Protein backbone atom coordinates (compact mmCIF):
# COMPACT_ATOMS: atom_id res chain seq x y z
CA UNK A 1 15.75 69.07 24.31
CA UNK A 2 14.12 65.65 23.90
CA UNK A 3 11.64 64.83 21.14
CA UNK A 4 9.44 61.76 20.83
CA UNK A 5 7.42 60.87 17.74
CA UNK A 6 5.55 57.88 16.35
CA UNK A 7 4.61 57.23 12.73
CA UNK A 8 1.19 55.63 12.15
CA UNK A 9 0.39 53.93 8.83
CA UNK A 10 -3.01 54.07 7.19
CA UNK A 11 -5.85 52.39 9.03
CA UNK A 12 -5.71 48.58 8.80
CA UNK A 13 -2.16 48.39 7.40
CA UNK A 14 -0.68 46.73 10.47
CA UNK A 15 -3.50 44.18 10.65
CA UNK A 16 -2.97 43.29 7.00
CA UNK A 17 0.78 42.85 7.56
CA UNK A 18 0.05 40.66 10.56
CA UNK A 19 -2.23 38.47 8.43
CA UNK A 20 0.50 38.11 5.79
CA UNK A 21 2.97 36.84 8.40
CA UNK A 22 0.37 34.57 10.04
CA UNK A 23 -0.63 32.89 6.76
CA UNK A 24 3.00 32.32 5.76
CA UNK A 25 3.66 30.77 9.18
CA UNK A 26 0.74 28.39 8.62
CA UNK A 27 2.13 27.51 5.18
CA UNK A 28 5.51 26.63 6.67
CA UNK A 29 3.84 24.50 9.32
CA UNK A 30 2.06 22.51 6.59
CA UNK A 31 5.44 21.94 4.93
CA UNK A 32 6.58 20.44 8.23
CA UNK A 33 3.48 18.23 8.33
CA UNK A 34 4.16 16.95 4.82
CA UNK A 35 7.80 16.18 5.68
CA UNK A 36 6.67 14.32 8.81
CA UNK A 37 4.02 12.32 6.94
CA UNK A 38 6.48 11.44 4.16
CA UNK A 39 8.94 10.20 6.79
CA UNK A 40 6.25 8.00 8.36
CA UNK A 41 5.42 6.57 4.94
CA UNK A 42 9.07 5.78 4.23
CA UNK A 43 9.42 4.06 7.62
CA UNK A 44 6.39 1.87 6.89
CA UNK A 45 7.53 1.10 3.35
CA UNK A 46 11.01 0.11 4.51
CA UNK A 47 9.56 -2.09 7.26
CA UNK A 48 7.41 -3.94 4.72
CA UNK A 49 10.46 -4.41 2.47
CA UNK A 50 12.36 -5.86 5.42
CA UNK A 51 9.48 -8.23 6.07
CA UNK A 52 9.54 -9.46 2.45
CA UNK A 53 13.31 -9.95 2.66
CA UNK A 54 13.00 -11.91 5.91
CA UNK A 55 10.33 -14.14 4.39
CA UNK A 56 12.39 -14.61 1.23
CA UNK A 57 15.33 -15.84 3.32
CA UNK A 58 13.07 -18.21 5.27
CA UNK A 59 11.31 -19.62 2.20
CA UNK A 60 14.55 -20.02 0.25
CA UNK A 61 16.19 -21.77 3.20
CA UNK A 62 13.23 -24.15 3.50
CA UNK A 63 13.42 -24.85 -0.23
CA UNK A 64 17.13 -25.66 0.13
CA UNK A 65 16.36 -28.19 2.85
CA UNK A 66 13.69 -29.74 0.63
CA UNK A 67 16.12 -29.92 -2.29
CA UNK A 68 18.50 -31.74 0.01
CA UNK A 69 15.85 -34.40 0.55
CA UNK A 70 15.27 -34.53 -3.22
CA UNK A 71 19.02 -35.12 -3.70
CA UNK A 72 18.91 -38.00 -1.24
CA UNK A 73 15.87 -39.45 -3.00
CA UNK A 74 17.51 -39.14 -6.44
CA UNK A 75 20.69 -40.74 -5.13
CA UNK A 76 18.73 -43.72 -3.77
CA UNK A 77 16.89 -44.12 -7.05
CA UNK A 78 20.18 -43.95 -8.97
CA UNK A 79 21.88 -46.51 -6.71
CA UNK A 80 18.92 -48.84 -7.14
CA UNK A 81 19.11 -48.44 -10.91
CA UNK A 82 15.64 -46.93 -11.18
CA UNK A 83 16.88 -43.47 -12.29
CA UNK A 84 19.84 -41.93 -14.06
CA UNK A 85 22.71 -39.91 -12.65
CA UNK A 86 21.30 -36.91 -14.44
CA UNK A 87 18.60 -36.58 -11.78
CA UNK A 88 21.24 -36.25 -9.07
CA UNK A 89 23.10 -33.66 -11.11
CA UNK A 90 19.91 -31.67 -11.71
CA UNK A 91 19.30 -31.43 -7.98
CA UNK A 92 22.89 -30.36 -7.34
CA UNK A 93 22.53 -27.62 -9.95
CA UNK A 94 19.34 -26.41 -8.30
CA UNK A 95 21.02 -26.42 -4.89
CA UNK A 96 23.98 -24.38 -6.15
CA UNK A 97 21.68 -21.78 -7.69
CA UNK A 98 19.54 -21.64 -4.56
CA UNK A 99 22.58 -21.22 -2.29
CA UNK A 100 23.76 -18.30 -4.41
CA UNK A 101 20.30 -16.71 -4.25
CA UNK A 102 20.16 -17.18 -0.47
CA UNK A 103 23.58 -15.55 -0.05
CA UNK A 104 22.42 -12.53 -2.07
CA UNK A 105 19.27 -12.20 0.04
CA UNK A 106 21.27 -12.25 3.26
CA UNK A 107 23.69 -9.65 1.88
CA UNK A 108 20.72 -7.41 1.05
CA UNK A 109 19.61 -7.27 4.67
CA UNK A 110 22.26 -4.89 6.02
CA UNK A 111 21.62 -2.05 3.52
CA UNK A 112 17.89 -2.16 4.31
CA UNK A 113 18.49 -2.18 8.07
CA UNK A 114 20.90 0.74 7.68
CA UNK A 115 18.25 2.66 5.76
CA UNK A 116 15.69 1.82 8.45
CA UNK A 117 18.02 3.11 11.17
CA UNK A 118 18.64 6.28 9.19
CA UNK A 119 14.91 6.94 8.91
CA UNK A 120 14.43 6.31 12.64
CA UNK A 121 17.56 8.35 13.41
CA UNK A 122 18.74 5.74 15.87
CA UNK A 123 20.96 2.68 16.14
CA UNK A 124 18.87 -0.43 16.69
CA UNK A 125 19.94 -2.33 19.78
CA UNK A 126 17.92 -5.46 19.03
CA UNK A 127 16.50 -7.34 16.09
CA UNK A 128 13.44 -5.96 14.34
CA UNK A 129 10.28 -7.83 15.29
CA UNK A 130 8.10 -9.21 12.50
CA UNK A 131 4.79 -11.09 12.64
CA UNK A 132 4.61 -14.64 11.34
CA UNK A 133 2.21 -13.36 8.68
CA UNK A 134 2.01 -9.69 7.78
CA UNK A 135 -1.28 -8.05 8.76
CA UNK A 136 -3.36 -6.60 5.95
CA UNK A 137 -4.22 -2.90 5.69
CA UNK A 138 -7.32 -1.84 3.74
CA UNK A 139 -8.72 1.39 2.33
CA UNK A 140 -11.78 1.84 4.51
CA UNK A 141 -13.30 4.77 2.58
CA UNK A 142 -15.01 4.94 -0.78
CA UNK A 143 -12.79 5.98 -3.67
CA UNK A 144 -14.52 9.34 -4.13
CA UNK A 145 -14.28 10.02 -0.39
CA UNK A 146 -10.55 9.38 -0.46
CA UNK A 147 -10.07 11.90 -3.27
CA UNK A 148 -12.15 14.49 -1.39
CA UNK A 149 -10.01 13.89 1.69
CA UNK A 150 -6.83 14.40 -0.34
CA UNK A 151 -8.07 17.75 -1.68
CA UNK A 152 -9.17 18.90 1.78
CA UNK A 153 -6.42 17.52 4.01
CA UNK A 154 -3.19 17.14 2.04
CA UNK A 155 -0.60 19.42 3.71
CA UNK A 156 0.93 20.60 0.44
CA UNK A 157 -2.47 21.73 -0.85
CA UNK A 158 -3.24 23.40 2.48
CA UNK A 159 0.15 25.10 2.29
CA UNK A 160 -0.75 26.56 -1.11
CA UNK A 161 -4.10 27.73 0.27
CA UNK A 162 -2.31 29.63 3.02
CA UNK A 163 0.13 31.11 0.53
CA UNK A 164 -2.77 32.37 -1.59
CA UNK A 165 -4.32 34.00 1.47
CA UNK A 166 -0.96 35.54 2.28
CA UNK A 167 -0.69 37.09 -1.18
CA UNK A 168 -4.28 38.32 -0.96
CA UNK A 169 -3.33 40.14 2.23
CA UNK A 170 -0.15 41.37 0.54
CA UNK A 171 -2.34 43.05 -2.09
CA UNK A 172 -4.19 44.86 0.69
CA UNK A 173 -0.90 45.85 2.34
CA UNK A 174 0.43 47.30 -0.93
CA UNK A 175 -2.73 49.32 -1.41
CA UNK A 176 -2.68 50.70 2.10
CA UNK A 177 1.01 51.59 1.84
CA UNK A 178 0.01 53.94 -0.97
CA UNK A 179 -2.27 55.83 1.43
CA UNK A 180 -1.16 58.75 3.64
CA UNK A 181 0.61 58.08 6.94
CA UNK A 182 0.56 60.16 10.10
CA UNK A 183 3.10 61.20 12.70
CA UNK A 184 2.31 62.31 16.22
CA UNK A 185 4.94 63.60 18.59
CA UNK A 186 5.92 65.88 21.44
CA UNK A 187 9.07 67.61 22.62
CA UNK A 188 10.38 68.50 26.05
CA UNK A 189 12.91 71.25 26.68
CA UNK A 190 14.76 71.47 29.97
CA UNK A 191 15.57 75.17 30.69
CA UNK A 192 18.01 76.25 33.35
CA UNK A 193 17.24 79.35 35.44
CA UNK A 194 18.99 82.41 34.06
CA UNK A 195 21.16 83.93 36.82
CA UNK A 196 21.10 87.59 37.84
CA UNK A 197 17.76 88.10 36.17
CA UNK A 198 14.26 88.08 37.46
CA UNK A 199 11.26 87.58 35.17
CA UNK A 200 8.20 85.42 34.97
CA UNK A 201 8.72 81.68 34.31
CA UNK A 202 12.53 82.03 34.66
CA UNK A 203 13.89 78.41 34.52
CA UNK A 204 10.55 76.86 33.74
CA UNK A 205 10.81 73.80 31.44
CA UNK A 206 8.98 73.96 28.13
CA UNK A 207 6.71 71.20 26.82
CA UNK A 208 5.46 71.41 23.25
CA UNK A 209 2.48 69.21 22.59
CA UNK A 210 1.48 67.92 20.13
CA UNK A 211 3.43 67.70 16.87
CA UNK A 212 1.41 66.46 13.91
CA UNK A 213 2.74 65.46 10.51
CA UNK A 214 1.01 63.96 7.47
CA UNK A 215 2.99 62.21 4.72
CA UNK A 216 1.31 61.72 1.36
CA UNK A 217 2.97 59.32 -1.14
CA UNK A 218 3.13 61.06 -4.48
CA UNK A 219 4.92 58.39 -6.51
CA UNK A 220 1.97 56.09 -7.24
CA UNK A 221 3.60 53.76 -9.78
CA UNK A 222 5.62 52.03 -7.05
CA UNK A 223 2.53 50.97 -5.12
CA UNK A 224 0.62 49.99 -8.26
CA UNK A 225 3.56 47.73 -9.19
CA UNK A 226 3.52 46.19 -5.70
CA UNK A 227 -0.20 45.43 -6.04
CA UNK A 228 0.28 43.94 -9.50
CA UNK A 229 3.19 41.77 -8.30
CA UNK A 230 1.13 40.39 -5.42
CA UNK A 231 -1.81 39.67 -7.75
CA UNK A 232 0.41 37.79 -10.19
CA UNK A 233 2.00 35.74 -7.41
CA UNK A 234 -1.43 34.85 -6.07
CA UNK A 235 -2.44 33.67 -9.54
CA UNK A 236 0.78 31.66 -9.81
CA UNK A 237 0.06 29.92 -6.52
CA UNK A 238 -3.50 29.21 -7.66
CA UNK A 239 -2.17 27.56 -10.83
CA UNK A 240 0.37 25.61 -8.79
CA UNK A 241 -2.40 24.33 -6.53
CA UNK A 242 -4.48 23.18 -9.51
CA UNK A 243 -1.49 21.38 -11.02
CA UNK A 244 -0.59 19.80 -7.66
CA UNK A 245 -4.18 18.64 -7.12
CA UNK A 246 -4.24 17.10 -10.61
CA UNK A 247 -0.93 15.35 -9.93
CA UNK A 248 -2.23 14.00 -6.63
CA UNK A 249 -5.32 12.67 -8.40
CA UNK A 250 -3.07 10.88 -10.89
CA UNK A 251 -0.90 9.51 -8.07
CA UNK A 252 -3.97 8.33 -6.21
CA UNK A 253 -5.42 6.58 -9.27
CA UNK A 254 -2.13 4.72 -9.75
CA UNK A 255 -1.89 3.85 -6.06
CA UNK A 256 -5.49 2.63 -5.98
CA UNK A 257 -4.86 0.52 -9.09
CA UNK A 258 -1.81 -1.00 -7.38
CA UNK A 259 -3.86 -1.57 -4.23
CA UNK A 260 -6.52 -3.53 -6.14
CA UNK A 261 -3.81 -5.41 -8.03
CA UNK A 262 -2.10 -6.39 -4.77
CA UNK A 263 -5.40 -7.71 -3.38
CA UNK A 264 -5.96 -9.76 -6.55
CA UNK A 265 -2.41 -11.12 -6.48
CA UNK A 266 -2.79 -12.01 -2.81
CA UNK A 267 -5.84 -14.14 -3.57
CA UNK A 268 -4.27 -15.59 -6.73
CA UNK A 269 -1.00 -16.72 -5.16
CA UNK A 270 -2.75 -18.22 -2.16
CA UNK A 271 -4.67 -20.49 -4.54
CA UNK A 272 -1.69 -21.19 -6.80
CA UNK A 273 0.48 -22.08 -3.82
CA UNK A 274 -2.01 -24.67 -2.59
CA UNK A 275 -2.42 -26.18 -6.07
CA UNK A 276 1.32 -26.28 -6.78
CA UNK A 277 2.07 -28.04 -3.47
CA UNK A 278 -0.58 -30.65 -4.30
CA UNK A 279 0.88 -31.11 -7.78
CA UNK A 280 4.41 -31.47 -6.41
CA UNK A 281 3.34 -34.11 -3.88
CA UNK A 282 1.68 -36.11 -6.65
CA UNK A 283 4.82 -35.87 -8.80
CA UNK A 284 7.01 -37.02 -5.90
CA UNK A 285 4.80 -40.07 -5.41
CA UNK A 286 5.06 -40.87 -9.12
CA UNK A 287 8.82 -40.48 -9.06
CA UNK A 288 9.20 -42.58 -5.94
CA UNK A 289 7.14 -45.39 -7.38
CA UNK A 290 8.05 -45.24 -11.06
CA UNK A 291 11.25 -43.18 -11.18
CA UNK A 292 9.95 -40.75 -13.81
CA UNK A 293 9.26 -37.03 -14.25
CA UNK A 294 11.94 -35.91 -11.81
CA UNK A 295 12.51 -32.77 -13.85
CA UNK A 296 8.81 -31.96 -13.37
CA UNK A 297 9.30 -32.30 -9.61
CA UNK A 298 12.08 -29.68 -9.69
CA UNK A 299 10.10 -27.42 -12.00
CA UNK A 300 7.09 -27.56 -9.70
CA UNK A 301 9.30 -26.83 -6.70
CA UNK A 302 10.57 -23.71 -8.47
CA UNK A 303 6.94 -22.66 -9.01
CA UNK A 304 6.19 -23.20 -5.31
CA UNK A 305 9.14 -21.00 -4.39
CA UNK A 306 7.98 -18.31 -6.83
CA UNK A 307 4.38 -18.37 -5.61
CA UNK A 308 5.42 -18.25 -1.95
CA UNK A 309 7.65 -15.23 -2.57
CA UNK A 310 5.02 -13.47 -4.69
CA UNK A 311 2.44 -14.09 -1.98
CA UNK A 312 4.51 -12.27 0.65
CA UNK A 313 5.33 -9.49 -1.79
CA UNK A 314 1.62 -9.03 -2.52
CA UNK A 315 0.96 -8.67 1.22
CA UNK A 316 3.65 -6.00 1.53
CA UNK A 317 2.54 -4.22 -1.65
CA UNK A 318 -1.02 -3.95 -0.39
CA UNK A 319 0.11 -2.38 2.87
CA UNK A 320 2.56 -0.07 1.08
CA UNK A 321 -0.11 1.28 -1.26
CA UNK A 322 -2.48 1.86 1.67
CA UNK A 323 0.30 3.71 3.49
CA UNK A 324 0.91 5.88 0.42
CA UNK A 325 -2.79 6.67 0.06
CA UNK A 326 -2.83 7.62 3.74
CA UNK A 327 0.13 9.91 3.10
CA UNK A 328 -1.75 11.61 0.25
CA UNK A 329 -4.69 12.15 2.60
CA UNK A 330 -2.39 13.85 5.09
CA UNK A 331 -2.61 11.10 7.69
């Protein structure tokens, strides 16, 4: 005897379960998108840091060469009796400090390159290419438009939307599971012919069709608890989305502030660098002709070094903040 049966849940139960699985799959895909976008942001940020380090090495090395010429100038002035030995010693002190700073900058390169290779998941076979001057990224949208884009497109917020839809469907599944279910079936009996006997239908197989069964859940508290659990989890996800959206708004406000600050610093240090170079050249002329204010020459050279480094850092900071804002927008 062979029996075949199939249980059928209440109407719409399977579709609701399918929607639960589909929405959770979409939520997991948005988690992947966020991880990918975060990786892209970290790659960009590390590249900009490498650019700043490369420029710091170049600027510091150029400053060392210039200090070498200052040392030669101070030595000539001392030998001619137009300046004291203290000027020579001041330059030597500056050179020693600058050499130590340059050595530290060069030692900092390998950890950053290693981090860059880790993010790219590859071993670089050639040197990283950098532009002579870092290009400038800008936020092309209005501030309010950027925030709207974050709310609409950020993968983590979209993930929470899909999770809420999944729990909404889970509520429907729990309700339908508390409804009756049905079973349809049939049986087939193979009957051998009975020997030494003659009668109607001797040896005829028997087919019983159909078999119908209805199951009615009587324990209702279980399904009410399932519905309540799904409702509470949906509310929890809703609260999590509101908190996450508020946090993103705070992060965006900070990033936008840093973006505007980087643009201001970029303009400021461009002007200060030009003015400080002019001031240094005037001081060098005064020292060459009159042998005075050599300490001011060194102090102004330190300012030039500072402004040049801050200028390149401002360029990188502007691009980094734009990259972070793009990450928040899900780009």
